[in-house]
Amino acid sequence: MPSVRGWRGSLRHPAYRLAQMATQPNASAVPPVEVVLSEVVANLGFLAHAYLNPVDPDVDAGPDLEAAEIAIDVAGRAYDRIQPRLSPDERSAVSRLLTDLRLSYVKKRGL
């Protein structure tokens, strides 16, 4: 499994902050909801991208649009709930991610 920094590319990413919290002396502390949901949104975005752009050459089924739509919708709803608690940079990054995924979905769907 890639490192948090390598996979996400930033030490400020919520996943990195969550990992830091887990290694701190008070590891039983509950992380802030925006940290957890930011990671959920990022993971769902990654999943939606994978559903839209399958890389397995053995499977010629094409994109799984239904799964991508579900992942994008749930990520969008989670983002809507935590948006006020994110920094402007975090809001911008997640908003761009969701917009890119939605545009990719529409192109794949042919709408």
PDB file of N, CA and C in Angstrom:
ATOM      1  N   MET A   1       0.840  -1.172   0.000  1.00  0.00           N
ATOM      2  CA  MET A   1       0.000   0.000   0.000  1.00  0.00           C
ATOM      3  C   MET A   1       0.887   1.237   0.000  1.00  0.00           C
ATOM      4  N   PRO A   2       0.601   2.235  -0.866  1.00  0.00           N
ATOM      5  CA  PRO A   2       1.428   3.420  -0.919  1.00  0.00           C
ATOM      6  C   PRO A   2       1.321   4.213   0.371  1.00  0.00           C
ATOM      7  N   SER A   3       2.346   5.010   0.624  1.00  0.00           N
ATOM      8  CA  SER A   3       2.314   5.841   1.816  1.00  0.00           C
ATOM      9  C   SER A   3       1.245   6.905   1.651  1.00  0.00           C
ATOM     10  N   VAL A   4       0.782   7.447   2.762  1.00  0.00           N
ATOM     11  CA  VAL A   4      -0.244   8.484   2.721  1.00  0.00           C
ATOM     12  C   VAL A   4       0.273   9.685   1.945  1.00  0.00           C
ATOM     13  N   ARG A   5       1.526  10.067   2.208  1.00  0.00           N
ATOM     14  CA  ARG A   5       2.077  11.228   1.514  1.00  0.00           C
ATOM     15  C   ARG A   5       2.197  10.958   0.020  1.00  0.00           C
ATOM     16  N   GLY A   6       2.714   9.787  -0.350  1.00  0.00           N
ATOM     17  CA  GLY A   6       2.897   9.473  -1.754  1.00  0.00           C
ATOM     18  C   GLY A   6       1.587   9.365  -2.507  1.00  0.00           C
ATOM     19  N   TRP A   7       0.579   8.819  -1.881  1.00  0.00           N
ATOM     20  CA  TRP A   7      -0.689   8.609  -2.562  1.00  0.00           C
ATOM     21  C   TRP A   7      -1.479   9.895  -2.684  1.00  0.00           C
ATOM     22  N   ARG A   8      -1.456  10.699  -1.668  1.00  0.00           N
ATOM     23  CA  ARG A   8      -2.234  11.928  -1.664  1.00  0.00           C
ATOM     24  C   ARG A   8      -1.417  13.141  -2.088  1.00  0.00           C
ATOM     25  N   GLY A   9      -0.083  13.088  -1.886  1.00  0.00           N
ATOM     26  CA  GLY A   9       0.776  14.150  -2.347  1.00  0.00           C
ATOM     27  C   GLY A   9       0.903  15.342  -1.432  1.00  0.00           C
ATOM     28  N   SER A  10       0.335  15.319  -0.255  1.00  0.00           N
ATOM     29  CA  SER A  10       0.424  16.485   0.603  1.00  0.00           C
ATOM     30  C   SER A  10       0.396  16.099   2.066  1.00  0.00           C
ATOM     31  N   LEU A  11       1.267  16.761   2.819  1.00  0.00           N
ATOM     32  CA  LEU A  11       1.270  16.518   4.261  1.00  0.00           C
ATOM     33  C   LEU A  11       0.083  17.198   4.934  1.00  0.00           C
ATOM     34  N   ARG A  12      -0.597  18.104   4.229  1.00  0.00           N
ATOM     35  CA  ARG A  12      -1.761  18.780   4.799  1.00  0.00           C
ATOM     36  C   ARG A  12      -3.052  18.008   4.531  1.00  0.00           C
ATOM     37  N   HIS A  13      -2.973  16.962   3.748  1.00  0.00           N
ATOM     38  CA  HIS A  13      -4.168  16.201   3.401  1.00  0.00           C
ATOM     39  C   HIS A  13      -4.779  15.593   4.664  1.00  0.00           C
ATOM     40  N   PRO A  14      -6.113  15.545   4.741  1.00  0.00           N
ATOM     41  CA  PRO A  14      -6.775  14.981   5.916  1.00  0.00           C
ATOM     42  C   PRO A  14      -6.327  13.565   6.267  1.00  0.00           C
ATOM     43  N   ALA A  15      -5.984  12.764   5.270  1.00  0.00           N
ATOM     44  CA  ALA A  15      -5.536  11.399   5.568  1.00  0.00           C
ATOM     45  C   ALA A  15      -4.231  11.424   6.355  1.00  0.00           C
ATOM     46  N   TYR A  16      -3.365  12.349   6.011  1.00  0.00           N
ATOM     47  CA  TYR A  16      -2.101  12.461   6.734  1.00  0.00           C
ATOM     48  C   TYR A  16      -2.357  12.915   8.167  1.00  0.00           C
ATOM     49  N   ARG A  17      -3.259  13.874   8.322  1.00  0.00           N
ATOM     50  CA  ARG A  17      -3.585  14.352   9.679  1.00  0.00           C
ATOM     51  C   ARG A  17      -4.209  13.231  10.499  1.00  0.00           C
ATOM     52  N   LEU A  18      -5.055  12.426   9.872  1.00  0.00           N
ATOM     53  CA  LEU A  18      -5.668  11.295  10.572  1.00  0.00           C
ATOM     54  C   LEU A  18      -4.600  10.286  10.986  1.00  0.00           C
ATOM     55  N   ALA A  19      -3.653  10.013  10.098  1.00  0.00           N
ATOM     56  CA  ALA A  19      -2.569   9.086  10.424  1.00  0.00           C
ATOM     57  C   ALA A  19      -1.713   9.634  11.564  1.00  0.00           C
ATOM     58  N   GLN A  20      -1.462  10.924  11.562  1.00  0.00           N
ATOM     59  CA  GLN A  20      -0.703  11.545  12.652  1.00  0.00           C
ATOM     60  C   GLN A  20      -1.430  11.374  13.978  1.00  0.00           C
ATOM     61  N   MET A  21      -2.743  11.563  13.959  1.00  0.00           N
ATOM     62  CA  MET A  21      -3.522  11.437  15.190  1.00  0.00           C
ATOM     63  C   MET A  21      -3.440  10.018  15.736  1.00  0.00           C
ATOM     64  N   ALA A  22      -3.415   9.045  14.844  1.00  0.00           N
ATOM     65  CA  ALA A  22      -3.383   7.652  15.279  1.00  0.00           C
ATOM     66  C   ALA A  22      -2.050   7.293  15.926  1.00  0.00           C
ATOM     67  N   THR A  23      -0.985   8.021  15.586  1.00  0.00           N
ATOM     68  CA  THR A  23       0.328   7.703  16.139  1.00  0.00           C
ATOM     69  C   THR A  23       0.683   8.568  17.337  1.00  0.00           C
ATOM     70  N   GLN A  24      -0.157   9.508  17.673  1.00  0.00           N
ATOM     71  CA  GLN A  24       0.097  10.368  18.822  1.00  0.00           C
ATOM     72  C   GLN A  24      -0.226   9.608  20.103  1.00  0.00           C
ATOM     73  N   PRO A  25       0.329  10.065  21.236  1.00  0.00           N
ATOM     74  CA  PRO A  25       0.130   9.353  22.501  1.00  0.00           C
ATOM     75  C   PRO A  25      -1.332   9.071  22.839  1.00  0.00           C
ATOM     76  N   ASN A  26      -2.226   9.991  22.539  1.00  0.00           N
ATOM     77  CA  ASN A  26      -3.638   9.808  22.851  1.00  0.00           C
ATOM     78  C   ASN A  26      -4.355   9.282  21.611  1.00  0.00           C
ATOM     79  N   ALA A  27      -3.952   8.103  21.144  1.00  0.00           N
ATOM     80  CA  ALA A  27      -4.480   7.529  19.908  1.00  0.00           C
ATOM     81  C   ALA A  27      -5.957   7.155  20.011  1.00  0.00           C
ATOM     82  N   SER A  28      -6.500   7.106  21.206  1.00  0.00           N
ATOM     83  CA  SER A  28      -7.906   6.754  21.344  1.00  0.00           C
ATOM     84  C   SER A  28      -8.819   7.958  21.128  1.00  0.00           C
ATOM     85  N   ALA A  29      -8.247   9.152  20.913  1.00  0.00           N
ATOM     86  CA  ALA A  29      -9.050  10.348  20.672  1.00  0.00           C
ATOM     87  C   ALA A  29      -9.823  10.194  19.371  1.00  0.00           C
ATOM     88  N   VAL A  30     -11.024  10.686  19.362  1.00  0.00           N
ATOM     89  CA  VAL A  30     -11.865  10.623  18.177  1.00  0.00           C
ATOM     90  C   VAL A  30     -11.448  11.757  17.241  1.00  0.00           C
ATOM     91  N   PRO A  31     -11.153  11.441  15.982  1.00  0.00           N
ATOM     92  CA  PRO A  31     -10.738  12.498  15.052  1.00  0.00           C
ATOM     93  C   PRO A  31     -11.918  13.394  14.690  1.00  0.00           C
ATOM     94  N   PRO A  32     -11.640  14.621  14.297  1.00  0.00           N
ATOM     95  CA  PRO A  32     -12.719  15.524  13.873  1.00  0.00           C
ATOM     96  C   PRO A  32     -13.456  14.952  12.664  1.00  0.00           C
ATOM     97  N   VAL A  33     -14.730  15.192  12.600  1.00  0.00           N
ATOM     98  CA  VAL A  33     -15.563  14.632  11.538  1.00  0.00           C
ATOM     99  C   VAL A  33     -15.108  15.095  10.162  1.00  0.00           C
ATOM    100  N   GLU A  34     -14.630  16.338  10.054  1.00  0.00           N
ATOM    101  CA  GLU A  34     -14.210  16.807   8.742  1.00  0.00           C
ATOM    102  C   GLU A  34     -12.977  16.056   8.231  1.00  0.00           C
ATOM    103  N   VAL A  35     -12.128  15.583   9.136  1.00  0.00           N
ATOM    104  CA  VAL A  35     -10.970  14.790   8.734  1.00  0.00           C
ATOM    105  C   VAL A  35     -11.424  13.439   8.186  1.00  0.00           C
ATOM    106  N   VAL A  36     -12.316  12.801   8.906  1.00  0.00           N
ATOM    107  CA  VAL A  36     -12.803  11.482   8.487  1.00  0.00           C
ATOM    108  C   VAL A  36     -13.586  11.588   7.181  1.00  0.00           C
ATOM    109  N   LEU A  37     -14.498  12.547   7.093  1.00  0.00           N
ATOM    110  CA  LEU A  37     -15.311  12.663   5.885  1.00  0.00           C
ATOM    111  C   LEU A  37     -14.513  13.166   4.687  1.00  0.00           C
ATOM    112  N   SER A  38     -13.473  13.951   4.923  1.00  0.00           N
ATOM    113  CA  SER A  38     -12.597  14.345   3.812  1.00  0.00           C
ATOM    114  C   SER A  38     -11.926  13.119   3.214  1.00  0.00           C
ATOM    115  N   GLU A  39     -11.518  12.201   4.067  1.00  0.00           N
ATOM    116  CA  GLU A  39     -10.916  10.961   3.586  1.00  0.00           C
ATOM    117  C   GLU A  39     -11.954  10.107   2.849  1.00  0.00           C
ATOM    118  N   VAL A  40     -13.169  10.074   3.347  1.00  0.00           N
ATOM    119  CA  VAL A  40     -14.242   9.327   2.682  1.00  0.00           C
ATOM    120  C   VAL A  40     -14.493   9.907   1.290  1.00  0.00           C
ATOM    121  N   VAL A  41     -14.566  11.237   1.202  1.00  0.00           N
ATOM    122  CA  VAL A  41     -14.795  11.889  -0.089  1.00  0.00           C
ATOM    123  C   VAL A  41     -13.648  11.576  -1.049  1.00  0.00           C
ATOM    124  N   ALA A  42     -12.413  11.653  -0.567  1.00  0.00           N
ATOM    125  CA  ALA A  42     -11.252  11.361  -1.415  1.00  0.00           C
ATOM    126  C   ALA A  42     -11.285   9.910  -1.895  1.00  0.00           C
ATOM    127  N   ASN A  43     -11.595   8.986  -1.003  1.00  0.00           N
ATOM    128  CA  ASN A  43     -11.654   7.577  -1.385  1.00  0.00           C
ATOM    129  C   ASN A  43     -12.780   7.305  -2.383  1.00  0.00           C
ATOM    130  N   LEU A  44     -13.932   7.908  -2.173  1.00  0.00           N
ATOM    131  CA  LEU A  44     -15.039   7.737  -3.114  1.00  0.00           C
ATOM    132  C   LEU A  44     -14.701   8.347  -4.468  1.00  0.00           C
ATOM    133  N   GLY A  45     -13.991   9.475  -4.453  1.00  0.00           N
ATOM    134  CA  GLY A  45     -13.550  10.079  -5.706  1.00  0.00           C
ATOM    135  C   GLY A  45     -12.596   9.169  -6.455  1.00  0.00           C
ATOM    136  N   PHE A  46     -11.657   8.589  -5.730  1.00  0.00           N
ATOM    137  CA  PHE A  46     -10.718   7.644  -6.328  1.00  0.00           C
ATOM    138  C   PHE A  46     -11.473   6.449  -6.907  1.00  0.00           C
ATOM    139  N   LEU A  47     -12.440   5.950  -6.167  1.00  0.00           N
ATOM    140  CA  LEU A  47     -13.241   4.816  -6.614  1.00  0.00           C
ATOM    141  C   LEU A  47     -14.050   5.167  -7.869  1.00  0.00           C
ATOM    142  N   ALA A  48     -14.686   6.342  -7.862  1.00  0.00           N
ATOM    143  CA  ALA A  48     -15.474   6.769  -9.019  1.00  0.00           C
ATOM    144  C   ALA A  48     -14.589   6.851 -10.257  1.00  0.00           C
ATOM    145  N   HIS A  49     -13.390   7.387 -10.091  1.00  0.00           N
ATOM    146  CA  HIS A  49     -12.454   7.472 -11.212  1.00  0.00           C
ATOM    147  C   HIS A  49     -12.119   6.071 -11.740  1.00  0.00           C
ATOM    148  N   ALA A  50     -11.906   5.146 -10.819  1.00  0.00           N
ATOM    149  CA  ALA A  50     -11.599   3.770 -11.219  1.00  0.00           C
ATOM    150  C   ALA A  50     -12.786   3.130 -11.933  1.00  0.00           C
ATOM    151  N   TYR A  51     -14.003   3.401 -11.482  1.00  0.00           N
ATOM    152  CA  TYR A  51     -15.192   2.857 -12.149  1.00  0.00           C
ATOM    153  C   TYR A  51     -15.352   3.450 -13.553  1.00  0.00           C
ATOM    154  N   LEU A  52     -15.006   4.721 -13.695  1.00  0.00           N
ATOM    155  CA  LEU A  52     -15.147   5.376 -14.994  1.00  0.00           C
ATOM    156  C   LEU A  52     -14.040   4.994 -15.967  1.00  0.00           C
ATOM    157  N   ASN A  53     -12.883   4.624 -15.437  1.00  0.00           N
ATOM    158  CA  ASN A  53     -11.715   4.337 -16.272  1.00  0.00           C
ATOM    159  C   ASN A  53     -11.089   3.011 -15.866  1.00  0.00           C
ATOM    160  N   PRO A  54     -11.747   1.902 -16.151  1.00  0.00           N
ATOM    161  CA  PRO A  54     -11.184   0.609 -15.752  1.00  0.00           C
ATOM    162  C   PRO A  54      -9.842   0.366 -16.443  1.00  0.00           C
ATOM    163  N   VAL A  55      -8.912  -0.231 -15.703  1.00  0.00           N
ATOM    164  CA  VAL A  55      -7.570  -0.456 -16.247  1.00  0.00           C
ATOM    165  C   VAL A  55      -7.251  -1.932 -16.432  1.00  0.00           C
ATOM    166  N   ASP A  56      -8.177  -2.794 -16.114  1.00  0.00           N
ATOM    167  CA  ASP A  56      -7.947  -4.234 -16.250  1.00  0.00           C
ATOM    168  C   ASP A  56      -8.149  -4.643 -17.707  1.00  0.00           C
ATOM    169  N   PRO A  57      -7.051  -5.011 -18.401  1.00  0.00           N
ATOM    170  CA  PRO A  57      -7.188  -5.370 -19.814  1.00  0.00           C
ATOM    171  C   PRO A  57      -7.944  -6.687 -20.035  1.00  0.00           C
ATOM    172  N   ASP A  58      -8.076  -7.504 -18.998  1.00  0.00           N
ATOM    173  CA  ASP A  58      -8.782  -8.777 -19.134  1.00  0.00           C
ATOM    174  C   ASP A  58     -10.296  -8.604 -19.116  1.00  0.00           C
ATOM    175  N   VAL A  59     -10.753  -7.477 -18.607  1.00  0.00           N
ATOM    176  CA  VAL A  59     -12.191  -7.213 -18.513  1.00  0.00           C
ATOM    177  C   VAL A  59     -12.532  -6.141 -19.537  1.00  0.00           C
ATOM    178  N   ASP A  60     -13.325  -6.506 -20.513  1.00  0.00           N
ATOM    179  CA  ASP A  60     -13.678  -5.570 -21.580  1.00  0.00           C
ATOM    180  C   ASP A  60     -15.120  -5.080 -21.398  1.00  0.00           C
ATOM    181  N   ALA A  61     -15.523  -4.890 -20.199  1.00  0.00           N
ATOM    182  CA  ALA A  61     -16.897  -4.498 -19.923  1.00  0.00           C
ATOM    183  C   ALA A  61     -17.098  -2.992 -20.010  1.00  0.00           C
ATOM    184  N   GLY A  62     -16.017  -2.216 -20.035  1.00  0.00           N
ATOM    185  CA  GLY A  62     -16.144  -0.771 -20.073  1.00  0.00           C
ATOM    186  C   GLY A  62     -16.404  -0.208 -18.691  1.00  0.00           C
ATOM    187  N   PRO A  63     -16.695   1.083 -18.634  1.00  0.00           N
ATOM    188  CA  PRO A  63     -16.900   1.723 -17.342  1.00  0.00           C
ATOM    189  C   PRO A  63     -18.170   1.229 -16.646  1.00  0.00           C
ATOM    190  N   ASP A  64     -18.115   1.204 -15.331  1.00  0.00           N
ATOM    191  CA  ASP A  64     -19.293   0.849 -14.522  1.00  0.00           C
ATOM    192  C   ASP A  64     -19.962   2.158 -14.124  1.00  0.00           C
ATOM    193  N   LEU A  65     -20.837   2.651 -14.986  1.00  0.00           N
ATOM    194  CA  LEU A  65     -21.445   3.963 -14.782  1.00  0.00           C
ATOM    195  C   LEU A  65     -22.346   4.014 -13.557  1.00  0.00           C
ATOM    196  N   GLU A  66     -23.043   2.939 -13.285  1.00  0.00           N
ATOM    197  CA  GLU A  66     -23.928   2.930 -12.110  1.00  0.00           C
ATOM    198  C   GLU A  66     -23.119   3.052 -10.823  1.00  0.00           C
ATOM    199  N   ALA A  67     -22.042   2.292 -10.716  1.00  0.00           N
ATOM    200  CA  ALA A  67     -21.191   2.369  -9.521  1.00  0.00           C
ATOM    201  C   ALA A  67     -20.532   3.737  -9.418  1.00  0.00           C
ATOM    202  N   ALA A  68     -20.084   4.282 -10.549  1.00  0.00           N
ATOM    203  CA  ALA A  68     -19.464   5.613 -10.540  1.00  0.00           C
ATOM    204  C   ALA A  68     -20.462   6.668 -10.076  1.00  0.00           C
ATOM    205  N   GLU A  69     -21.690   6.570 -10.568  1.00  0.00           N
ATOM    206  CA  GLU A  69     -22.728   7.533 -10.181  1.00  0.00           C
ATOM    207  C   GLU A  69     -22.989   7.486  -8.675  1.00  0.00           C
ATOM    208  N   ILE A  70     -23.069   6.296  -8.121  1.00  0.00           N
ATOM    209  CA  ILE A  70     -23.296   6.151  -6.674  1.00  0.00           C
ATOM    210  C   ILE A  70     -22.135   6.763  -5.898  1.00  0.00           C
ATOM    211  N   ALA A  71     -20.909   6.437  -6.294  1.00  0.00           N
ATOM    212  CA  ALA A  71     -19.737   6.958  -5.588  1.00  0.00           C
ATOM    213  C   ALA A  71     -19.688   8.487  -5.658  1.00  0.00           C
ATOM    214  N   ILE A  72     -19.976   9.053  -6.826  1.00  0.00           N
ATOM    215  CA  ILE A  72     -19.956  10.512  -6.989  1.00  0.00           C
ATOM    216  C   ILE A  72     -21.060  11.156  -6.158  1.00  0.00           C
ATOM    217  N   ASP A  73     -22.248  10.584  -6.171  1.00  0.00           N
ATOM    218  CA  ASP A  73     -23.366  11.141  -5.406  1.00  0.00           C
ATOM    219  C   ASP A  73     -23.090  11.122  -3.904  1.00  0.00           C
ATOM    220  N   VAL A  74     -22.577  10.010  -3.404  1.00  0.00           N
ATOM    221  CA  VAL A  74     -22.297   9.911  -1.962  1.00  0.00           C
ATOM    222  C   VAL A  74     -21.159  10.861  -1.579  1.00  0.00           C
ATOM    223  N   ALA A  75     -20.124  10.939  -2.425  1.00  0.00           N
ATOM    224  CA  ALA A  75     -19.023  11.868  -2.154  1.00  0.00           C
ATOM    225  C   ALA A  75     -19.537  13.304  -2.136  1.00  0.00           C
ATOM    226  N   GLY A  76     -20.406  13.636  -3.080  1.00  0.00           N
ATOM    227  CA  GLY A  76     -20.976  14.985  -3.128  1.00  0.00           C
ATOM    228  C   GLY A  76     -21.810  15.311  -1.902  1.00  0.00           C
ATOM    229  N   ARG A  77     -22.579  14.360  -1.452  1.00  0.00           N
ATOM    230  CA  ARG A  77     -23.414  14.579  -0.247  1.00  0.00           C
ATOM    231  C   ARG A  77     -22.544  14.746   0.989  1.00  0.00           C
ATOM    232  N   ALA A  78     -21.505  13.917   1.119  1.00  0.00           N
ATOM    233  CA  ALA A  78     -20.596  14.053   2.265  1.00  0.00           C
ATOM    234  C   ALA A  78     -19.903  15.411   2.222  1.00  0.00           C
ATOM    235  N   TYR A  79     -19.484  15.832   1.036  1.00  0.00           N
ATOM    236  CA  TYR A  79     -18.837  17.136   0.885  1.00  0.00           C
ATOM    237  C   TYR A  79     -19.792  18.263   1.274  1.00  0.00           C
ATOM    238  N   ASP A  80     -21.041  18.174   0.855  1.00  0.00           N
ATOM    239  CA  ASP A  80     -22.025  19.197   1.213  1.00  0.00           C
ATOM    240  C   ASP A  80     -22.144  19.355   2.725  1.00  0.00           C
ATOM    241  N   ARG A  81     -22.056  18.245   3.437  1.00  0.00           N
ATOM    242  CA  ARG A  81     -22.207  18.271   4.897  1.00  0.00           C
ATOM    243  C   ARG A  81     -20.999  18.887   5.608  1.00  0.00           C
ATOM    244  N   ILE A  82     -19.796  18.692   5.065  1.00  0.00           N
ATOM    245  CA  ILE A  82     -18.595  19.172   5.765  1.00  0.00           C
ATOM    246  C   ILE A  82     -18.031  20.456   5.168  1.00  0.00           C
ATOM    247  N   GLN A  83     -18.573  20.905   4.052  1.00  0.00           N
ATOM    248  CA  GLN A  83     -18.042  22.070   3.359  1.00  0.00           C
ATOM    249  C   GLN A  83     -17.827  23.283   4.271  1.00  0.00           C
ATOM    250  N   PRO A  84     -18.757  23.636   5.142  1.00  0.00           N
ATOM    251  CA  PRO A  84     -18.538  24.815   5.993  1.00  0.00           C
ATOM    252  C   PRO A  84     -17.365  24.655   6.970  1.00  0.00           C
ATOM    253  N   ARG A  85     -16.969  23.437   7.243  1.00  0.00           N
ATOM    254  CA  ARG A  85     -15.906  23.197   8.226  1.00  0.00           C
ATOM    255  C   ARG A  85     -14.524  23.057   7.592  1.00  0.00           C
ATOM    256  N   LEU A  86     -14.446  23.150   6.275  1.00  0.00           N
ATOM    257  CA  LEU A  86     -13.177  23.013   5.567  1.00  0.00           C
ATOM    258  C   LEU A  86     -12.560  24.382   5.310  1.00  0.00           C
ATOM    259  N   SER A  87     -11.249  24.391   5.140  1.00  0.00           N
ATOM    260  CA  SER A  87     -10.560  25.632   4.779  1.00  0.00           C
ATOM    261  C   SER A  87     -10.897  25.961   3.325  1.00  0.00           C
ATOM    262  N   PRO A  88     -10.700  27.213   2.916  1.00  0.00           N
ATOM    263  CA  PRO A  88     -10.975  27.571   1.518  1.00  0.00           C
ATOM    264  C   PRO A  88     -10.184  26.712   0.517  1.00  0.00           C
ATOM    265  N   ASP A  89      -8.934  26.398   0.828  1.00  0.00           N
ATOM    266  CA  ASP A  89      -8.130  25.555  -0.066  1.00  0.00           C
ATOM    267  C   ASP A  89      -8.703  24.145  -0.162  1.00  0.00           C
ATOM    268  N   GLU A  90      -9.124  23.594   0.966  1.00  0.00           N
ATOM    269  CA  GLU A  90      -9.711  22.251   0.965  1.00  0.00           C
ATOM    270  C   GLU A  90     -11.029  22.235   0.198  1.00  0.00           C
ATOM    271  N   ARG A  91     -11.859  23.269   0.412  1.00  0.00           N
ATOM    272  CA  ARG A  91     -13.134  23.365  -0.320  1.00  0.00           C
ATOM    273  C   ARG A  91     -12.888  23.429  -1.821  1.00  0.00           C
ATOM    274  N   SER A  92     -11.917  24.230  -2.218  1.00  0.00           N
ATOM    275  CA  SER A  92     -11.606  24.375  -3.636  1.00  0.00           C
ATOM    276  C   SER A  92     -11.130  23.059  -4.241  1.00  0.00           C
ATOM    277  N   ALA A  93     -10.251  22.360  -3.541  1.00  0.00           N
ATOM    278  CA  ALA A  93      -9.715  21.094  -4.047  1.00  0.00           C
ATOM    279  C   ALA A  93     -10.806  20.043  -4.198  1.00  0.00           C
ATOM    280  N   VAL A  94     -11.653  19.907  -3.186  1.00  0.00           N
ATOM    281  CA  VAL A  94     -12.707  18.897  -3.240  1.00  0.00           C
ATOM    282  C   VAL A  94     -13.751  19.273  -4.292  1.00  0.00           C
ATOM    283  N   SER A  95     -14.056  20.545  -4.387  1.00  0.00           N
ATOM    284  CA  SER A  95     -15.012  21.003  -5.391  1.00  0.00           C
ATOM    285  C   SER A  95     -14.503  20.707  -6.799  1.00  0.00           C
ATOM    286  N   ARG A  96     -13.208  20.958  -7.050  1.00  0.00           N
ATOM    287  CA  ARG A  96     -12.620  20.642  -8.356  1.00  0.00           C
ATOM    288  C   ARG A  96     -12.676  19.143  -8.627  1.00  0.00           C
ATOM    289  N   LEU A  97     -12.349  18.338  -7.606  1.00  0.00           N
ATOM    290  CA  LEU A  97     -12.393  16.882  -7.760  1.00  0.00           C
ATOM    291  C   LEU A  97     -13.789  16.431  -8.174  1.00  0.00           C
ATOM    292  N   LEU A  98     -14.806  16.899  -7.464  1.00  0.00           N
ATOM    293  CA  LEU A  98     -16.175  16.492  -7.759  1.00  0.00           C
ATOM    294  C   LEU A  98     -16.629  16.987  -9.129  1.00  0.00           C
ATOM    295  N   THR A  99     -16.256  18.205  -9.482  1.00  0.00           N
ATOM    296  CA  THR A  99     -16.617  18.743 -10.795  1.00  0.00           C
ATOM    297  C   THR A  99     -15.981  17.921 -11.908  1.00  0.00           C
ATOM    298  N   ASP A 100     -14.705  17.605 -11.757  1.00  0.00           N
ATOM    299  CA  ASP A 100     -14.018  16.788 -12.763  1.00  0.00           C
ATOM    300  C   ASP A 100     -14.661  15.410 -12.898  1.00  0.00           C
ATOM    301  N   LEU A 101     -15.011  14.807 -11.764  1.00  0.00           N
ATOM    302  CA  LEU A 101     -15.649  13.491 -11.812  1.00  0.00           C
ATOM    303  C   LEU A 101     -17.018  13.560 -12.480  1.00  0.00           C
ATOM    304  N   ARG A 102     -17.776  14.589 -12.146  1.00  0.00           N
ATOM    305  CA  ARG A 102     -19.108  14.729 -12.744  1.00  0.00           C
ATOM    306  C   ARG A 102     -19.018  14.946 -14.251  1.00  0.00           C
ATOM    307  N   LEU A 103     -18.064  15.767 -14.692  1.00  0.00           N
ATOM    308  CA  LEU A 103     -17.880  15.986 -16.125  1.00  0.00           C
ATOM    309  C   LEU A 103     -17.451  14.703 -16.835  1.00  0.00           C
ATOM    310  N   SER A 104     -16.556  13.973 -16.210  1.00  0.00           N
ATOM    311  CA  SER A 104     -16.112  12.696 -16.783  1.00  0.00           C
ATOM    312  C   SER A 104     -17.281  11.719 -16.877  1.00  0.00           C
ATOM    313  N   TYR A 105     -18.111  11.680 -15.848  1.00  0.00           N
ATOM    314  CA  TYR A 105     -19.283  10.805 -15.843  1.00  0.00           C
ATOM    315  C   TYR A 105     -20.227  11.159 -16.996  1.00  0.00           C
ATOM    316  N   VAL A 106     -20.503  12.457 -17.158  1.00  0.00           N
ATOM    317  CA  VAL A 106     -21.418  12.895 -18.218  1.00  0.00           C
ATOM    318  C   VAL A 106     -20.853  12.539 -19.586  1.00  0.00           C
ATOM    319  N   LYS A 107     -19.551  12.721 -19.783  1.00  0.00           N
ATOM    320  CA  LYS A 107     -18.925  12.372 -21.070  1.00  0.00           C
ATOM    321  C   LYS A 107     -19.038  10.861 -21.336  1.00  0.00           C
ATOM    322  N   LYS A 108     -18.771  10.056 -20.311  1.00  0.00           N
ATOM    323  CA  LYS A 108     -18.840   8.596 -20.478  1.00  0.00           C
ATOM    324  C   LYS A 108     -20.283   8.154 -20.733  1.00  0.00           C
ATOM    325  N   ARG A 109     -21.194   8.825 -20.080  1.00  0.00           N
ATOM    326  CA  ARG A 109     -22.613   8.473 -20.217  1.00  0.00           C
ATOM    327  C   ARG A 109     -23.174   8.898 -21.560  1.00  0.00           C
ATOM    328  N   GLY A 110     -22.559   9.947 -22.125  1.00  0.00           N
ATOM    329  CA  GLY A 110     -23.023  10.442 -23.420  1.00  0.00           C
ATOM    330  C   GLY A 110     -24.237  11.323 -23.304  1.00  0.00           C
ATOM    331  N   LEU A 111     -24.374  12.000 -22.179  1.00  0.00           N
ATOM    332  CA  LEU A 111     -25.531  12.878 -21.974  1.00  0.00           C
ATOM    333  C   LEU A 111     -25.286  14.268 -22.515  1.00  0.00           C
TER     334      LEU A 111
END
